[in-house]
Amino acid sequence: MTGEYEKRINQIKESLDKAKNMRIRAEARLEELNKQKEEILRELKELNVSPDQLDDEISKLKSEIEELMERAQNLIPQDLIK
């Protein structure tokens, strides 16, 4: 009987240790993610882009890239490369 209690107590201790380690890892990961978030927000601020404008800014940049690629393609003399 005493052996069973000791076994259960040890299992509980192991579970508590695992849970504690998981919590510590989760807290460290959360801290890391918060630092990344702050860094991204800082970079956005430097670019004068608010997080709310991000989708619009990405669309605008994609359009600019497409336009510039088309202009570059049109500058290549097609009859010379065929």
Protein backbone atom coordinates (compact mmCIF):
# COMPACT_ATOMS: atom_id res chain seq x y z
CA MET A 1 0.00 0.00 0.00
CA THR A 2 2.75 2.46 0.93
CA GLY A 3 4.57 1.60 -2.30
CA GLU A 4 1.49 2.55 -4.31
CA TYR A 5 1.26 5.92 -2.58
CA GLU A 6 4.93 6.61 -3.19
CA LYS A 7 4.52 5.67 -6.83
CA ARG A 8 1.51 7.98 -7.22
CA ILE A 9 3.29 10.80 -5.39
CA ASN A 10 6.29 10.41 -7.69
CA GLN A 11 4.02 10.47 -10.74
CA ILE A 12 2.36 13.62 -9.44
CA LYS A 13 5.76 15.21 -8.83
CA GLU A 14 6.88 14.32 -12.37
CA SER A 15 3.70 15.76 -13.81
CA LEU A 16 4.15 18.95 -11.81
CA ASP A 17 7.76 19.24 -12.98
CA LYS A 18 6.71 18.75 -16.61
CA ALA A 19 3.94 21.33 -16.24
CA LYS A 20 6.39 23.77 -14.62
CA ASN A 21 8.90 23.30 -17.45
CA MET A 22 6.17 23.78 -20.04
CA ARG A 23 5.04 26.99 -18.32
CA ILE A 24 8.60 28.31 -18.23
CA ARG A 25 9.08 27.54 -21.94
CA ALA A 26 5.72 29.14 -22.78
CA GLU A 27 6.60 32.29 -20.81
CA ALA A 28 9.98 32.52 -22.55
CA ARG A 29 8.33 32.08 -25.95
CA LEU A 30 5.73 34.73 -25.12
CA GLU A 31 8.47 37.15 -24.11
CA GLU A 32 10.32 36.44 -27.37
CA LEU A 33 7.16 37.00 -29.43
CA ASN A 34 6.42 40.25 -27.61
CA LYS A 35 9.95 41.48 -28.39
CA GLN A 36 9.44 40.57 -32.07
CA LYS A 37 6.11 42.39 -32.09
CA GLU A 38 7.68 45.52 -30.63
CA GLU A 39 10.51 45.37 -33.16
CA ILE A 40 8.04 45.04 -36.05
CA LEU A 41 5.96 47.94 -34.72
CA ARG A 42 9.10 50.04 -34.38
CA GLU A 43 10.11 49.26 -37.97
CA LEU A 44 6.62 50.10 -39.22
CA LYS A 45 6.77 53.41 -37.39
CA GLU A 46 10.12 54.19 -39.03
CA LEU A 47 8.48 53.49 -42.41
CA ASN A 48 5.53 55.70 -41.48
CA VAL A 49 3.11 52.81 -41.88
CA SER A 50 0.55 51.99 -39.23
CA PRO A 51 -0.44 48.35 -38.65
CA ASP A 52 -3.94 49.22 -39.92
CA GLN A 53 -2.48 50.38 -43.25
CA LEU A 54 -0.28 47.33 -43.75
CA ASP A 55 -2.54 45.47 -46.20
CA ASP A 56 -2.99 48.61 -48.31
CA GLU A 57 0.73 49.29 -48.28
CA ILE A 58 1.52 45.72 -49.37
CA SER A 59 -0.99 46.00 -52.24
CA LYS A 60 0.50 49.33 -53.27
CA LEU A 61 4.03 47.89 -53.28
CA LYS A 62 2.93 44.83 -55.28
CA SER A 63 1.38 47.13 -57.89
CA GLU A 64 4.55 49.19 -58.07
CA ILE A 65 6.65 46.05 -58.52
CA GLU A 66 4.38 44.79 -61.30
CA GLU A 67 4.51 48.16 -63.05
CA LEU A 68 8.30 48.37 -62.81
CA MET A 69 8.72 44.81 -64.06
CA GLU A 70 6.47 45.54 -67.04
CA ARG A 71 8.40 48.73 -67.81
CA ALA A 72 11.70 46.83 -67.61
CA GLN A 73 10.33 44.11 -69.91
CA ASN A 74 9.21 46.74 -72.42
CA LEU A 75 12.68 48.30 -72.48
CA ILE A 76 14.22 45.06 -73.69
CA PRO A 77 14.34 44.99 -77.48
CA GLN A 78 12.44 41.76 -78.16
CA ASP A 79 13.56 41.50 -81.80
CA LEU A 80 17.20 41.32 -80.73
CA ILE A 81 16.77 38.45 -78.30
CA LYS A 82 14.81 36.21 -80.67
